[in-house]
Amino acid sequence: MQAKLHIDTASIGGETEQVWYAYGQLVGEAAGRIYPWVMHAQNTGTLSVQSLFMQMRLAFLDLRQY
């Protein structure tokens, strides 16, 4: 996803559009887990691609690998 956003930035748009594009690629439970964060970040002006990926790493961290 990071590569897609990097390569297609011109056609996807700015930071907000990139976050919503990346979010749009999530389905089911994954989308449900991230949606509250996206809405909060949008409402507080903290929405960014970097913070989205950080949030996804935290949300989907597999503790069994540690």
C-alpha atoms as a PDB file:
ATOM      1  CA  MET A   1       0.000   0.000   0.000  1.00  0.00           C
ATOM      2  CA  GLN A   2       2.832   2.392   0.806  1.00  0.00           C
ATOM      3  CA  ALA A   3       4.348   1.810  -2.629  1.00  0.00           C
ATOM      4  CA  LYS A   4       0.970   2.324  -4.319  1.00  0.00           C
ATOM      5  CA  LEU A   5       0.481   5.642  -2.529  1.00  0.00           C
ATOM      6  CA  HIS A   6       4.013   6.738  -3.407  1.00  0.00           C
ATOM      7  CA  ILE A   7       3.752   5.817  -7.086  1.00  0.00           C
ATOM      8  CA  ASP A   8       0.201   7.057  -7.665  1.00  0.00           C
ATOM      9  CA  THR A   9       0.268  10.213  -5.533  1.00  0.00           C
ATOM     10  CA  ALA A  10      -0.490  12.448  -8.519  1.00  0.00           C
ATOM     11  CA  SER A  11      -3.651  10.526  -9.415  1.00  0.00           C
ATOM     12  CA  ILE A  12      -4.828   9.802  -5.853  1.00  0.00           C
ATOM     13  CA  GLY A  13      -4.422  13.310  -4.478  1.00  0.00           C
ATOM     14  CA  GLY A  14      -3.206  14.891  -1.268  1.00  0.00           C
ATOM     15  CA  GLU A  15      -2.691  13.496   2.203  1.00  0.00           C
ATOM     16  CA  THR A  16      -6.393  13.241   3.085  1.00  0.00           C
ATOM     17  CA  GLU A  17      -7.254  11.544  -0.198  1.00  0.00           C
ATOM     18  CA  GLN A  18      -4.380   9.112   0.251  1.00  0.00           C
ATOM     19  CA  VAL A  19      -5.579   8.148   3.737  1.00  0.00           C
ATOM     20  CA  TRP A  20      -9.131   7.580   2.518  1.00  0.00           C
ATOM     21  CA  TYR A  21      -7.820   5.635  -0.485  1.00  0.00           C
ATOM     22  CA  ALA A  22      -5.753   3.372   1.779  1.00  0.00           C
ATOM     23  CA  TYR A  23      -8.675   2.968   4.178  1.00  0.00           C
ATOM     24  CA  GLY A  24     -10.891   2.052   1.212  1.00  0.00           C
ATOM     25  CA  GLN A  25      -8.663  -0.937   0.523  1.00  0.00           C
ATOM     26  CA  LEU A  26      -9.501  -2.427   3.925  1.00  0.00           C
ATOM     27  CA  VAL A  27     -12.501  -4.744   4.205  1.00  0.00           C
ATOM     28  CA  GLY A  28     -14.605  -6.301   6.925  1.00  0.00           C
ATOM     29  CA  GLU A  29     -13.186  -6.390  10.427  1.00  0.00           C
ATOM     30  CA  ALA A  30     -10.007  -4.614   9.357  1.00  0.00           C
ATOM     31  CA  ALA A  31     -11.991  -1.607   8.124  1.00  0.00           C
ATOM     32  CA  GLY A  32     -14.127  -1.688  11.256  1.00  0.00           C
ATOM     33  CA  ARG A  33     -11.087  -1.574  13.506  1.00  0.00           C
ATOM     34  CA  ILE A  34      -9.521   1.385  11.724  1.00  0.00           C
ATOM     35  CA  TYR A  35     -12.636   3.476  10.974  1.00  0.00           C
ATOM     36  CA  PRO A  36     -13.006   4.987  14.472  1.00  0.00           C
ATOM     37  CA  TRP A  37      -9.386   6.122  14.362  1.00  0.00           C
ATOM     38  CA  VAL A  38      -9.807   7.648  10.873  1.00  0.00           C
ATOM     39  CA  MET A  39     -12.860   9.604  11.989  1.00  0.00           C
ATOM     40  CA  HIS A  40     -11.130  10.797  15.165  1.00  0.00           C
ATOM     41  CA  ALA A  41      -8.001  11.823  13.255  1.00  0.00           C
ATOM     42  CA  GLN A  42     -10.071  13.650  10.658  1.00  0.00           C
ATOM     43  CA  ASN A  43     -12.071  15.494  13.334  1.00  0.00           C
ATOM     44  CA  THR A  44      -8.942  16.518  15.239  1.00  0.00           C
ATOM     45  CA  GLY A  45      -6.886  17.491  12.194  1.00  0.00           C
ATOM     46  CA  THR A  46      -4.298  14.767  12.751  1.00  0.00           C
ATOM     47  CA  LEU A  47      -5.087  12.659   9.682  1.00  0.00           C
ATOM     48  CA  SER A  48      -1.918  11.632   7.848  1.00  0.00           C
ATOM     49  CA  VAL A  49      -0.645   8.681   5.874  1.00  0.00           C
ATOM     50  CA  GLN A  50       2.188   8.139   8.340  1.00  0.00           C
ATOM     51  CA  SER A  51      -0.179   8.057  11.319  1.00  0.00           C
ATOM     52  CA  LEU A  52      -2.569   5.719   9.464  1.00  0.00           C
ATOM     53  CA  PHE A  53       0.201   3.177   8.911  1.00  0.00           C
ATOM     54  CA  MET A  54       1.300   3.530  12.531  1.00  0.00           C
ATOM     55  CA  GLN A  55      -2.266   2.914  13.682  1.00  0.00           C
ATOM     56  CA  MET A  56      -2.604  -0.131  11.423  1.00  0.00           C
ATOM     57  CA  ARG A  57       0.642  -1.586  12.789  1.00  0.00           C
ATOM     58  CA  LEU A  58      -0.722  -1.192  16.321  1.00  0.00           C
ATOM     59  CA  ALA A  59      -4.203  -2.491  15.472  1.00  0.00           C
ATOM     60  CA  PHE A  60      -2.949  -5.595  13.710  1.00  0.00           C
ATOM     61  CA  LEU A  61       0.128  -6.373  15.802  1.00  0.00           C
ATOM     62  CA  ASP A  62       0.510 -10.112  16.282  1.00  0.00           C
ATOM     63  CA  LEU A  63       1.765 -10.572  19.830  1.00  0.00           C
ATOM     64  CA  ARG A  64       2.377 -14.275  19.199  1.00  0.00           C
ATOM     65  CA  GLN A  65       5.499 -13.422  17.199  1.00  0.00           C
ATOM     66  CA  TYR A  66       7.162 -11.856  20.247  1.00  0.00           C
END
